[in-house]
């Protein structure tokens, strides 16, 4: 059974030549700097957005340009569930995933091993094909690993607790640390606006108390919008998450970063849709990290953010935007 590319011709081009040309253009536009010289040798994971390519395609290129493809045979792809409510993680029943650039076979041996743990559900085909968070990464995966014999392990991450994120991360850590394995984590950042039921606002650069903008917001607060526009508040809000998720932070173990990220989400309710896949990755890093009690798996962990932007710049309560951020991970 093959999962069809159900979002082609709507969220991204279904024409192979057009899609290939777009991906190549976005990848070529990524400019190295003194601190960022891709591909990143030994990179083991990326975090990247999953919106329609006209919005997030250029941003995602910064994550994918980071990938060192040397020796990779297996790619885990962790994406959030947008359409079905599950309190666990789910595996695919398909044999392969279609993309306009060619199919991606699934690593059924690894998937069977994970299913036998009893910790995972199995997606129905309709759930699999309705979800876009994993699919929007498939053309980039196929492009970056062009002409390479790779298999993928897609995992749909539900509304799991922080403790469950840690448990799933610990379960996956031995797989993710294999020399032939790479991991893609799918996440957009802040979804701001009334259509997302999220209008959190910092009236000045943080640290300060945030509030919810609405028609009943005092005029004195609304008067501050020109001096500290909504889009700058959104950037500051997302930057708090990015700062927390930048590793290393001194000798702080990844497990503490995971707790800080969860506390940040509780405080701000920031609508980072891939917060649970990111949490699972943090759960794995907590086990891998040499700064963990007992030395973990003895590996040095680094998470570096290389690109951030918005779909638009919000100025008023009637506006809306989605934020996109890309990072690479070493361990």
C-alpha atoms as a PDB file:
ATOM      1  CA  UNK A   1       0.000   0.000   0.000  1.00  0.00           C
ATOM      2  CA  UNK A   2       1.346   3.401  -0.996  1.00  0.00           C
ATOM      3  CA  UNK A   3       0.450   6.678   0.656  1.00  0.00           C
ATOM      4  CA  UNK A   4      -0.425   9.177  -2.070  1.00  0.00           C
ATOM      5  CA  UNK A   5       0.923  12.726  -2.198  1.00  0.00           C
ATOM      6  CA  UNK A   6      -2.470  14.161  -1.274  1.00  0.00           C
ATOM      7  CA  UNK A   7      -1.285  17.754  -0.773  1.00  0.00           C
ATOM      8  CA  UNK A   8       0.554  18.038  -4.087  1.00  0.00           C
ATOM      9  CA  UNK A   9      -0.911  20.627  -6.475  1.00  0.00           C
ATOM     10  CA  UNK A  10      -2.293  22.591  -3.528  1.00  0.00           C
ATOM     11  CA  UNK A  11       0.311  22.986  -0.755  1.00  0.00           C
ATOM     12  CA  UNK A  12       3.192  22.529  -3.196  1.00  0.00           C
ATOM     13  CA  UNK A  13       3.666  21.866  -6.890  1.00  0.00           C
ATOM     14  CA  UNK A  14       2.787  18.399  -8.124  1.00  0.00           C
ATOM     15  CA  UNK A  15       4.827  18.894 -11.294  1.00  0.00           C
ATOM     16  CA  UNK A  16       8.235  17.191 -10.837  1.00  0.00           C
ATOM     17  CA  UNK A  17      10.215  19.686 -12.909  1.00  0.00           C
ATOM     18  CA  UNK A  18       8.618  22.723 -11.295  1.00  0.00           C
ATOM     19  CA  UNK A  19       9.011  21.298  -7.797  1.00  0.00           C
ATOM     20  CA  UNK A  20      12.625  20.278  -8.396  1.00  0.00           C
ATOM     21  CA  UNK A  21      13.437  23.739  -9.759  1.00  0.00           C
ATOM     22  CA  UNK A  22      11.839  25.417  -6.718  1.00  0.00           C
ATOM     23  CA  UNK A  23      13.689  23.239  -4.221  1.00  0.00           C
ATOM     24  CA  UNK A  24      17.006  23.778  -5.991  1.00  0.00           C
ATOM     25  CA  UNK A  25      16.411  27.542  -6.037  1.00  0.00           C
ATOM     26  CA  UNK A  26      15.595  27.728  -2.339  1.00  0.00           C
ATOM     27  CA  UNK A  27      18.583  25.561  -1.422  1.00  0.00           C
ATOM     28  CA  UNK A  28      20.929  27.632  -3.573  1.00  0.00           C
ATOM     29  CA  UNK A  29      19.628  30.821  -1.919  1.00  0.00           C
ATOM     30  CA  UNK A  30      20.843  29.682   1.513  1.00  0.00           C
ATOM     31  CA  UNK A  31      23.856  31.849   2.246  1.00  0.00           C
ATOM     32  CA  UNK A  32      26.667  30.540   4.468  1.00  0.00           C
ATOM     33  CA  UNK A  33      28.033  32.812   7.171  1.00  0.00           C
ATOM     34  CA  UNK A  34      30.909  32.719   9.622  1.00  0.00           C
ATOM     35  CA  UNK A  35      28.815  30.698  12.081  1.00  0.00           C
ATOM     36  CA  UNK A  36      26.895  28.632   9.518  1.00  0.00           C
ATOM     37  CA  UNK A  37      28.710  26.735   6.804  1.00  0.00           C
ATOM     38  CA  UNK A  38      26.429  23.984   5.461  1.00  0.00           C
ATOM     39  CA  UNK A  39      26.307  21.077   5.178  1.00  0.00           C
ATOM     40  CA  UNK A  40      27.037  20.618   8.869  1.00  0.00           C
ATOM     41  CA  UNK A  41      29.430  17.682   9.189  1.00  0.00           C
ATOM     42  CA  UNK A  42      27.927  14.975  11.364  1.00  0.00           C
ATOM     43  CA  UNK A  43      24.517  16.614  11.681  1.00  0.00           C
ATOM     44  CA  UNK A  44      21.975  14.146  13.067  1.00  0.00           C
ATOM     45  CA  UNK A  45      18.633  15.969  13.003  1.00  0.00           C
ATOM     46  CA  UNK A  46      16.842  19.065  11.792  1.00  0.00           C
ATOM     47  CA  UNK A  47      13.716  20.958  12.822  1.00  0.00           C
ATOM     48  CA  UNK A  48      11.834  22.619   9.991  1.00  0.00           C
ATOM     49  CA  UNK A  49       8.419  24.044   9.054  1.00  0.00           C
ATOM     50  CA  UNK A  50       5.557  22.354   7.218  1.00  0.00           C
ATOM     51  CA  UNK A  51       3.359  25.099   5.747  1.00  0.00           C
ATOM     52  CA  UNK A  52       2.589  25.480   2.059  1.00  0.00           C
ATOM     53  CA  UNK A  53       5.835  25.864   0.148  1.00  0.00           C
ATOM     54  CA  UNK A  54       5.039  29.409  -0.989  1.00  0.00           C
ATOM     55  CA  UNK A  55       5.195  30.359   2.693  1.00  0.00           C
ATOM     56  CA  UNK A  56       7.710  28.027   4.345  1.00  0.00           C
ATOM     57  CA  UNK A  57       9.672  26.458   1.473  1.00  0.00           C
ATOM     58  CA  UNK A  58      12.502  29.030   1.544  1.00  0.00           C
ATOM     59  CA  UNK A  59      12.821  28.767   5.337  1.00  0.00           C
ATOM     60  CA  UNK A  60      12.892  24.960   5.331  1.00  0.00           C
ATOM     61  CA  UNK A  61      15.769  25.074   2.857  1.00  0.00           C
ATOM     62  CA  UNK A  62      18.010  26.358   5.668  1.00  0.00           C
ATOM     63  CA  UNK A  63      17.345  23.205   7.682  1.00  0.00           C
ATOM     64  CA  UNK A  64      17.776  20.881   4.715  1.00  0.00           C
ATOM     65  CA  UNK A  65      20.948  22.601   3.522  1.00  0.00           C
ATOM     66  CA  UNK A  66      22.412  21.693   6.939  1.00  0.00           C
ATOM     67  CA  UNK A  67      22.146  17.949   6.347  1.00  0.00           C
ATOM     68  CA  UNK A  68      25.270  15.855   5.950  1.00  0.00           C
ATOM     69  CA  UNK A  69      23.969  12.941   3.881  1.00  0.00           C
ATOM     70  CA  UNK A  70      27.120  10.828   4.267  1.00  0.00           C
ATOM     71  CA  UNK A  71      26.257   7.215   5.077  1.00  0.00           C
ATOM     72  CA  UNK A  72      22.566   7.849   5.785  1.00  0.00           C
ATOM     73  CA  UNK A  73      20.197   4.990   4.982  1.00  0.00           C
ATOM     74  CA  UNK A  74      17.230   5.722   7.255  1.00  0.00           C
ATOM     75  CA  UNK A  75      15.303   8.936   8.008  1.00  0.00           C
ATOM     76  CA  UNK A  76      12.883   9.252  10.914  1.00  0.00           C
ATOM     77  CA  UNK A  77      10.234  11.945  10.338  1.00  0.00           C
ATOM     78  CA  UNK A  78       8.309  13.125  13.413  1.00  0.00           C
ATOM     79  CA  UNK A  79       5.256  15.295  12.763  1.00  0.00           C
ATOM     80  CA  UNK A  80       2.342  16.575  14.854  1.00  0.00           C
ATOM     81  CA  UNK A  81      -1.238  15.400  14.384  1.00  0.00           C
ATOM     82  CA  UNK A  82      -3.538  18.174  13.114  1.00  0.00           C
ATOM     83  CA  UNK A  83      -6.688  16.206  12.226  1.00  0.00           C
ATOM     84  CA  UNK A  84      -7.088  13.375  14.717  1.00  0.00           C
ATOM     85  CA  UNK A  85      -6.753  13.521  18.495  1.00  0.00           C
ATOM     86  CA  UNK A  86      -4.460  10.809  19.827  1.00  0.00           C
ATOM     87  CA  UNK A  87      -2.681  10.592  23.188  1.00  0.00           C
ATOM     88  CA  UNK A  88       0.216   8.528  21.895  1.00  0.00           C
ATOM     89  CA  UNK A  89       2.389   8.199  18.775  1.00  0.00           C
ATOM     90  CA  UNK A  90       1.327   6.388  15.613  1.00  0.00           C
ATOM     91  CA  UNK A  91       3.135   4.485  12.868  1.00  0.00           C
ATOM     92  CA  UNK A  92       2.252   4.105   9.194  1.00  0.00           C
ATOM     93  CA  UNK A  93       0.820   0.910   7.708  1.00  0.00           C
ATOM     94  CA  UNK A  94       2.003   1.846   4.221  1.00  0.00           C
ATOM     95  CA  UNK A  95       4.866   0.271   2.319  1.00  0.00           C
ATOM     96  CA  UNK A  96       5.943   3.510   0.639  1.00  0.00           C
ATOM     97  CA  UNK A  97       5.125   7.228   0.395  1.00  0.00           C
ATOM     98  CA  UNK A  98       4.695   8.863  -3.004  1.00  0.00           C
ATOM     99  CA  UNK A  99       6.229  12.242  -3.857  1.00  0.00           C
ATOM    100  CA  UNK A 100       6.329  14.062  -7.215  1.00  0.00           C
ATOM    101  CA  UNK A 101      10.104  13.452  -7.200  1.00  0.00           C
ATOM    102  CA  UNK A 102       9.850   9.705  -6.657  1.00  0.00           C
ATOM    103  CA  UNK A 103       8.712   7.342  -3.942  1.00  0.00           C
ATOM    104  CA  UNK A 104      10.181   6.890  -0.484  1.00  0.00           C
ATOM    105  CA  UNK A 105      10.040   3.285   0.795  1.00  0.00           C
ATOM    106  CA  UNK A 106       9.311   2.772   4.487  1.00  0.00           C
ATOM    107  CA  UNK A 107      11.689   0.886   6.770  1.00  0.00           C
ATOM    108  CA  UNK A 108       9.212  -1.834   7.686  1.00  0.00           C
ATOM    109  CA  UNK A 109      11.757  -3.754   9.773  1.00  0.00           C
ATOM    110  CA  UNK A 110      12.251  -0.793  12.114  1.00  0.00           C
ATOM    111  CA  UNK A 111       8.543   0.035  12.109  1.00  0.00           C
ATOM    112  CA  UNK A 112       7.699  -3.560  13.052  1.00  0.00           C
ATOM    113  CA  UNK A 113      10.200  -3.389  15.931  1.00  0.00           C
ATOM    114  CA  UNK A 114       8.594  -0.191  17.209  1.00  0.00           C
ATOM    115  CA  UNK A 115       5.085  -1.606  16.870  1.00  0.00           C
ATOM    116  CA  UNK A 116       6.069  -4.679  18.912  1.00  0.00           C
ATOM    117  CA  UNK A 117       6.900  -2.434  21.878  1.00  0.00           C
ATOM    118  CA  UNK A 118       3.152  -1.914  22.319  1.00  0.00           C
ATOM    119  CA  UNK A 119       3.670   1.832  22.731  1.00  0.00           C
ATOM    120  CA  UNK A 120       2.456   2.899  19.294  1.00  0.00           C
ATOM    121  CA  UNK A 121      -0.839   2.983  17.449  1.00  0.00           C
ATOM    122  CA  UNK A 122      -1.039   2.401  13.700  1.00  0.00           C
ATOM    123  CA  UNK A 123      -2.544   5.114  11.510  1.00  0.00           C
ATOM    124  CA  UNK A 124      -5.426   4.376   9.198  1.00  0.00           C
ATOM    125  CA  UNK A 125      -4.709   5.221   5.577  1.00  0.00           C
ATOM    126  CA  UNK A 126      -7.121   8.170   5.731  1.00  0.00           C
ATOM    127  CA  UNK A 127      -5.377   9.583   8.821  1.00  0.00           C
ATOM    128  CA  UNK A 128      -2.030   9.107   7.121  1.00  0.00           C
ATOM    129  CA  UNK A 129      -3.103  10.843   3.918  1.00  0.00           C
ATOM    130  CA  UNK A 130      -5.030  13.673   5.620  1.00  0.00           C
ATOM    131  CA  UNK A 131      -2.018  14.780   7.672  1.00  0.00           C
ATOM    132  CA  UNK A 132       0.275  17.368   6.064  1.00  0.00           C
ATOM    133  CA  UNK A 133       2.971  17.779   8.719  1.00  0.00           C
ATOM    134  CA  UNK A 134       4.964  14.773   7.509  1.00  0.00           C
ATOM    135  CA  UNK A 135       4.085  15.017   3.814  1.00  0.00           C
ATOM    136  CA  UNK A 136       5.413  18.569   3.454  1.00  0.00           C
ATOM    137  CA  UNK A 137       8.885  17.266   4.334  1.00  0.00           C
ATOM    138  CA  UNK A 138       8.875  14.373   1.875  1.00  0.00           C
ATOM    139  CA  UNK A 139       9.875  16.271  -1.312  1.00  0.00           C
ATOM    140  CA  UNK A 140      12.774  17.895   0.532  1.00  0.00           C
ATOM    141  CA  UNK A 141      13.863  14.517   1.927  1.00  0.00           C
ATOM    142  CA  UNK A 142      13.696  12.943  -1.519  1.00  0.00           C
ATOM    143  CA  UNK A 143      15.635  15.878  -3.010  1.00  0.00           C
ATOM    144  CA  UNK A 144      18.394  16.067  -0.379  1.00  0.00           C
ATOM    145  CA  UNK A 145      18.925  12.295  -0.500  1.00  0.00           C
ATOM    146  CA  UNK A 146      18.644  12.272  -4.291  1.00  0.00           C
ATOM    147  CA  UNK A 147      19.784   9.001  -5.886  1.00  0.00           C
ATOM    148  CA  UNK A 148      20.474   7.562  -2.427  1.00  0.00           C
ATOM    149  CA  UNK A 149      18.925   4.300  -1.268  1.00  0.00           C
ATOM    150  CA  UNK A 150      17.165   5.492   1.878  1.00  0.00           C
ATOM    151  CA  UNK A 151      14.068   4.392   3.781  1.00  0.00           C
ATOM    152  CA  UNK A 152      11.884   6.461   6.070  1.00  0.00           C
ATOM    153  CA  UNK A 153      10.187   5.929   9.441  1.00  0.00           C
ATOM    154  CA  UNK A 154       7.263   8.369   9.716  1.00  0.00           C
ATOM    155  CA  UNK A 155       5.871   8.871  13.240  1.00  0.00           C
ATOM    156  CA  UNK A 156       2.744  10.889  13.968  1.00  0.00           C
ATOM    157  CA  UNK A 157       3.064  12.453  17.425  1.00  0.00           C
ATOM    158  CA  UNK A 158      -0.175  13.071  19.282  1.00  0.00           C
ATOM    159  CA  UNK A 159      -1.086  15.247  22.266  1.00  0.00           C
ATOM    160  CA  UNK A 160       1.267  13.467  24.641  1.00  0.00           C
ATOM    161  CA  UNK A 161       2.363  14.670  28.079  1.00  0.00           C
ATOM    162  CA  UNK A 162       5.861  15.932  28.823  1.00  0.00           C
ATOM    163  CA  UNK A 163       6.495  12.647  30.615  1.00  0.00           C
ATOM    164  CA  UNK A 164       5.341  10.701  27.563  1.00  0.00           C
ATOM    165  CA  UNK A 165       7.562  12.829  25.319  1.00  0.00           C
ATOM    166  CA  UNK A 166      10.497  11.833  27.511  1.00  0.00           C
ATOM    167  CA  UNK A 167       9.487   8.169  27.409  1.00  0.00           C
ATOM    168  CA  UNK A 168       9.091   8.072  23.623  1.00  0.00           C
ATOM    169  CA  UNK A 169      12.367   9.950  23.242  1.00  0.00           C
ATOM    170  CA  UNK A 170      14.156   7.408  25.441  1.00  0.00           C
ATOM    171  CA  UNK A 171      12.647   4.580  23.394  1.00  0.00           C
ATOM    172  CA  UNK A 172      13.783   6.156  20.107  1.00  0.00           C
ATOM    173  CA  UNK A 173      17.255   7.286  21.251  1.00  0.00           C
ATOM    174  CA  UNK A 174      19.052   4.001  20.388  1.00  0.00           C
ATOM    175  CA  UNK A 175      17.628   4.237  16.861  1.00  0.00           C
ATOM    176  CA  UNK A 176      18.385   7.938  16.340  1.00  0.00           C
ATOM    177  CA  UNK A 177      22.033   7.556  17.397  1.00  0.00           C
ATOM    178  CA  UNK A 178      22.802   4.965  14.734  1.00  0.00           C
ATOM    179  CA  UNK A 179      25.421   6.190  12.257  1.00  0.00           C
ATOM    180  CA  UNK A 180      23.134   5.502   9.299  1.00  0.00           C
ATOM    181  CA  UNK A 181      20.094   7.343  10.717  1.00  0.00           C
ATOM    182  CA  UNK A 182      18.910  10.942  10.407  1.00  0.00           C
ATOM    183  CA  UNK A 183      15.884  12.606  12.019  1.00  0.00           C
ATOM    184  CA  UNK A 184      13.507  15.286  10.713  1.00  0.00           C
ATOM    185  CA  UNK A 185      11.216  17.060  13.183  1.00  0.00           C
ATOM    186  CA  UNK A 186       8.277  18.939  11.681  1.00  0.00           C
ATOM    187  CA  UNK A 187       7.034  22.132  13.332  1.00  0.00           C
ATOM    188  CA  UNK A 188       5.811  25.617  12.583  1.00  0.00           C
ATOM    189  CA  UNK A 189       6.105  28.217  15.313  1.00  0.00           C
ATOM    190  CA  UNK A 190       3.564  30.821  16.506  1.00  0.00           C
ATOM    191  CA  UNK A 191       0.149  30.823  14.821  1.00  0.00           C
ATOM    192  CA  UNK A 192      -1.133  34.297  15.687  1.00  0.00           C
ATOM    193  CA  UNK A 193      -4.551  35.846  15.103  1.00  0.00           C
ATOM    194  CA  UNK A 194      -8.219  35.473  15.868  1.00  0.00           C
ATOM    195  CA  UNK A 195      -8.534  32.660  13.328  1.00  0.00           C
ATOM    196  CA  UNK A 196      -6.074  30.672  15.468  1.00  0.00           C
ATOM    197  CA  UNK A 197      -7.742  31.778  18.746  1.00  0.00           C
ATOM    198  CA  UNK A 198      -4.368  33.112  19.867  1.00  0.00           C
ATOM    199  CA  UNK A 199      -3.692  36.840  20.305  1.00  0.00           C
ATOM    200  CA  UNK A 200      -1.005  36.854  23.017  1.00  0.00           C
ATOM    201  CA  UNK A 201       0.830  40.180  23.121  1.00  0.00           C
ATOM    202  CA  UNK A 202       3.832  41.667  24.913  1.00  0.00           C
ATOM    203  CA  UNK A 203       3.203  45.438  25.272  1.00  0.00           C
ATOM    204  CA  UNK A 204       6.967  46.015  25.462  1.00  0.00           C
ATOM    205  CA  UNK A 205      10.074  43.917  24.881  1.00  0.00           C
ATOM    206  CA  UNK A 206      10.144  41.077  27.443  1.00  0.00           C
ATOM    207  CA  UNK A 207      10.655  40.424  30.230  1.00  0.00           C
ATOM    208  CA  UNK A 208       7.201  41.844  30.884  1.00  0.00           C
ATOM    209  CA  UNK A 209       3.704  40.540  31.527  1.00  0.00           C
ATOM    210  CA  UNK A 210       1.913  39.311  28.423  1.00  0.00           C
ATOM    211  CA  UNK A 211      -1.804  39.723  27.747  1.00  0.00           C
ATOM    212  CA  UNK A 212      -4.495  38.640  25.314  1.00  0.00           C
ATOM    213  CA  UNK A 213      -5.549  41.236  22.758  1.00  0.00           C
ATOM    214  CA  UNK A 214      -9.261  41.507  22.085  1.00  0.00           C
ATOM    215  CA  UNK A 215     -11.927  44.097  21.314  1.00  0.00           C
ATOM    216  CA  UNK A 216     -12.175  44.726  25.065  1.00  0.00           C
ATOM    217  CA  UNK A 217      -8.463  45.458  25.467  1.00  0.00           C
ATOM    218  CA  UNK A 218      -8.011  48.884  27.132  1.00  0.00           C
ATOM    219  CA  UNK A 219      -7.307  51.762  24.762  1.00  0.00           C
ATOM    220  CA  UNK A 220      -4.117  52.536  26.666  1.00  0.00           C
ATOM    221  CA  UNK A 221      -2.758  49.107  25.720  1.00  0.00           C
ATOM    222  CA  UNK A 222      -3.890  49.351  22.105  1.00  0.00           C
ATOM    223  CA  UNK A 223      -2.125  52.703  21.941  1.00  0.00           C
ATOM    224  CA  UNK A 224       1.190  50.898  22.492  1.00  0.00           C
ATOM    225  CA  UNK A 225       0.873  48.922  19.249  1.00  0.00           C
ATOM    226  CA  UNK A 226       2.669  51.483  17.061  1.00  0.00           C
ATOM    227  CA  UNK A 227       5.680  51.593  19.434  1.00  0.00           C
ATOM    228  CA  UNK A 228       5.870  47.804  19.829  1.00  0.00           C
ATOM    229  CA  UNK A 229       3.995  46.253  16.871  1.00  0.00           C
ATOM    230  CA  UNK A 230       2.311  42.872  17.147  1.00  0.00           C
ATOM    231  CA  UNK A 231       4.821  41.269  14.784  1.00  0.00           C
ATOM    232  CA  UNK A 232       7.688  42.336  17.056  1.00  0.00           C
ATOM    233  CA  UNK A 233       5.842  40.836  20.024  1.00  0.00           C
ATOM    234  CA  UNK A 234       5.444  37.572  18.069  1.00  0.00           C
ATOM    235  CA  UNK A 235       9.155  37.556  17.252  1.00  0.00           C
ATOM    236  CA  UNK A 236      10.021  38.166  20.913  1.00  0.00           C
ATOM    237  CA  UNK A 237       7.659  35.377  21.966  1.00  0.00           C
ATOM    238  CA  UNK A 238       9.183  32.895  19.516  1.00  0.00           C
ATOM    239  CA  UNK A 239      12.688  34.055  20.381  1.00  0.00           C
ATOM    240  CA  UNK A 240      12.091  33.011  23.982  1.00  0.00           C
ATOM    241  CA  UNK A 241      11.435  29.458  22.730  1.00  0.00           C
ATOM    242  CA  UNK A 242      14.431  29.553  20.391  1.00  0.00           C
ATOM    243  CA  UNK A 243      16.685  30.719  23.226  1.00  0.00           C
ATOM    244  CA  UNK A 244      15.464  27.874  25.432  1.00  0.00           C
ATOM    245  CA  UNK A 245      15.967  25.394  22.595  1.00  0.00           C
ATOM    246  CA  UNK A 246      19.484  26.537  21.749  1.00  0.00           C
ATOM    247  CA  UNK A 247      21.866  23.891  23.089  1.00  0.00           C
ATOM    248  CA  UNK A 248      24.352  23.891  24.742  1.00  0.00           C
ATOM    249  CA  UNK A 249      23.358  26.378  27.415  1.00  0.00           C
ATOM    250  CA  UNK A 250      26.340  26.118  29.735  1.00  0.00           C
ATOM    251  CA  UNK A 251      26.380  22.706  31.362  1.00  0.00           C
ATOM    252  CA  UNK A 252      22.589  22.480  31.469  1.00  0.00           C
ATOM    253  CA  UNK A 253      21.526  18.924  30.500  1.00  0.00           C
ATOM    254  CA  UNK A 254      18.988  18.451  27.705  1.00  0.00           C
ATOM    255  CA  UNK A 255      16.481  17.112  30.241  1.00  0.00           C
ATOM    256  CA  UNK A 256      16.401  20.553  31.901  1.00  0.00           C
ATOM    257  CA  UNK A 257      15.892  22.195  28.506  1.00  0.00           C
ATOM    258  CA  UNK A 258      12.892  19.909  27.996  1.00  0.00           C
ATOM    259  CA  UNK A 259      11.368  21.010  31.322  1.00  0.00           C
ATOM    260  CA  UNK A 260      12.031  24.705  30.561  1.00  0.00           C
ATOM    261  CA  UNK A 261      10.387  24.371  27.152  1.00  0.00           C
ATOM    262  CA  UNK A 262       7.319  22.707  28.696  1.00  0.00           C
ATOM    263  CA  UNK A 263       7.097  25.458  31.338  1.00  0.00           C
ATOM    264  CA  UNK A 264       7.394  28.141  28.646  1.00  0.00           C
ATOM    265  CA  UNK A 265       4.515  26.563  26.709  1.00  0.00           C
ATOM    266  CA  UNK A 266       2.383  26.421  29.864  1.00  0.00           C
ATOM    267  CA  UNK A 267       3.063  30.104  30.572  1.00  0.00           C
ATOM    268  CA  UNK A 268       2.607  31.535  27.072  1.00  0.00           C
ATOM    269  CA  UNK A 269       0.401  28.918  25.387  1.00  0.00           C
ATOM    270  CA  UNK A 270       2.426  29.647  22.261  1.00  0.00           C
ATOM    271  CA  UNK A 271       0.845  27.789  19.346  1.00  0.00           C
ATOM    272  CA  UNK A 272       3.968  25.902  18.254  1.00  0.00           C
ATOM    273  CA  UNK A 273       2.179  23.064  16.500  1.00  0.00           C
ATOM    274  CA  UNK A 274       5.164  20.723  16.583  1.00  0.00           C
ATOM    275  CA  UNK A 275       5.773  21.195  20.307  1.00  0.00           C
ATOM    276  CA  UNK A 276       5.215  17.481  20.965  1.00  0.00           C
ATOM    277  CA  UNK A 277       7.580  16.192  18.226  1.00  0.00           C
ATOM    278  CA  UNK A 278      10.150  18.706  19.510  1.00  0.00           C
ATOM    279  CA  UNK A 279       9.468  17.353  23.005  1.00  0.00           C
ATOM    280  CA  UNK A 280      10.103  13.781  21.835  1.00  0.00           C
ATOM    281  CA  UNK A 281      13.398  14.889  20.290  1.00  0.00           C
ATOM    282  CA  UNK A 282      14.311  16.591  23.576  1.00  0.00           C
ATOM    283  CA  UNK A 283      13.404  13.371  25.372  1.00  0.00           C
ATOM    284  CA  UNK A 284      15.871  11.511  23.159  1.00  0.00           C
ATOM    285  CA  UNK A 285      18.556  14.153  23.665  1.00  0.00           C
ATOM    286  CA  UNK A 286      18.083  13.861  27.435  1.00  0.00           C
ATOM    287  CA  UNK A 287      19.158  10.212  27.180  1.00  0.00           C
ATOM    288  CA  UNK A 288      21.922  10.878  24.664  1.00  0.00           C
ATOM    289  CA  UNK A 289      23.430  13.928  26.405  1.00  0.00           C
ATOM    290  CA  UNK A 290      26.801  13.492  28.094  1.00  0.00           C
ATOM    291  CA  UNK A 291      25.662  16.070  30.683  1.00  0.00           C
ATOM    292  CA  UNK A 292      22.872  13.755  31.838  1.00  0.00           C
ATOM    293  CA  UNK A 293      23.262  12.048  35.223  1.00  0.00           C
ATOM    294  CA  UNK A 294      25.617   9.130  34.713  1.00  0.00           C
ATOM    295  CA  UNK A 295      26.851  10.582  31.436  1.00  0.00           C
ATOM    296  CA  UNK A 296      23.881   9.471  29.318  1.00  0.00           C
ATOM    297  CA  UNK A 297      25.083   7.920  26.070  1.00  0.00           C
ATOM    298  CA  UNK A 298      28.229  10.028  26.278  1.00  0.00           C
ATOM    299  CA  UNK A 299      27.473  12.328  23.351  1.00  0.00           C
ATOM    300  CA  UNK A 300      27.855  16.090  23.151  1.00  0.00           C
ATOM    301  CA  UNK A 301      24.547  17.703  22.094  1.00  0.00           C
ATOM    302  CA  UNK A 302      24.132  20.886  20.053  1.00  0.00           C
ATOM    303  CA  UNK A 303      20.957  22.499  18.688  1.00  0.00           C
ATOM    304  CA  UNK A 304      21.493  25.618  16.573  1.00  0.00           C
ATOM    305  CA  UNK A 305      18.773  27.775  14.949  1.00  0.00           C
ATOM    306  CA  UNK A 306      19.675  29.181  11.547  1.00  0.00           C
ATOM    307  CA  UNK A 307      16.532  30.835  10.135  1.00  0.00           C
ATOM    308  CA  UNK A 308      13.364  32.528  11.412  1.00  0.00           C
ATOM    309  CA  UNK A 309      10.606  34.493   9.690  1.00  0.00           C
ATOM    310  CA  UNK A 310       6.835  35.123   9.477  1.00  0.00           C
ATOM    311  CA  UNK A 311       4.243  34.548   6.767  1.00  0.00           C
ATOM    312  CA  UNK A 312       3.263  38.231   7.227  1.00  0.00           C
ATOM    313  CA  UNK A 313       3.796  41.072   9.689  1.00  0.00           C
ATOM    314  CA  UNK A 314       0.815  41.617  11.980  1.00  0.00           C
ATOM    315  CA  UNK A 315      -0.034  45.221  12.819  1.00  0.00           C
ATOM    316  CA  UNK A 316      -3.653  44.982  14.000  1.00  0.00           C
ATOM    317  CA  UNK A 317      -5.995  42.540  15.725  1.00  0.00           C
ATOM    318  CA  UNK A 318      -7.495  41.724  12.334  1.00  0.00           C
ATOM    319  CA  UNK A 319      -4.182  40.413  10.993  1.00  0.00           C
ATOM    320  CA  UNK A 320      -2.782  36.896  11.287  1.00  0.00           C
ATOM    321  CA  UNK A 321       0.520  35.145  10.678  1.00  0.00           C
ATOM    322  CA  UNK A 322       2.426  31.901  11.113  1.00  0.00           C
ATOM    323  CA  UNK A 323       6.094  31.803  12.128  1.00  0.00           C
ATOM    324  CA  UNK A 324       8.705  29.460  10.665  1.00  0.00           C
ATOM    325  CA  UNK A 325      12.035  28.416  12.162  1.00  0.00           C
ATOM    326  CA  UNK A 326      14.773  26.009  11.106  1.00  0.00           C
ATOM    327  CA  UNK A 327      17.501  24.351  13.149  1.00  0.00           C
ATOM    328  CA  UNK A 328      20.094  21.605  12.954  1.00  0.00           C
ATOM    329  CA  UNK A 329      21.107  19.205  15.719  1.00  0.00           C
ATOM    330  CA  UNK A 330      24.384  17.445  16.433  1.00  0.00           C
ATOM    331  CA  UNK A 331      24.889  14.537  18.824  1.00  0.00           C
END
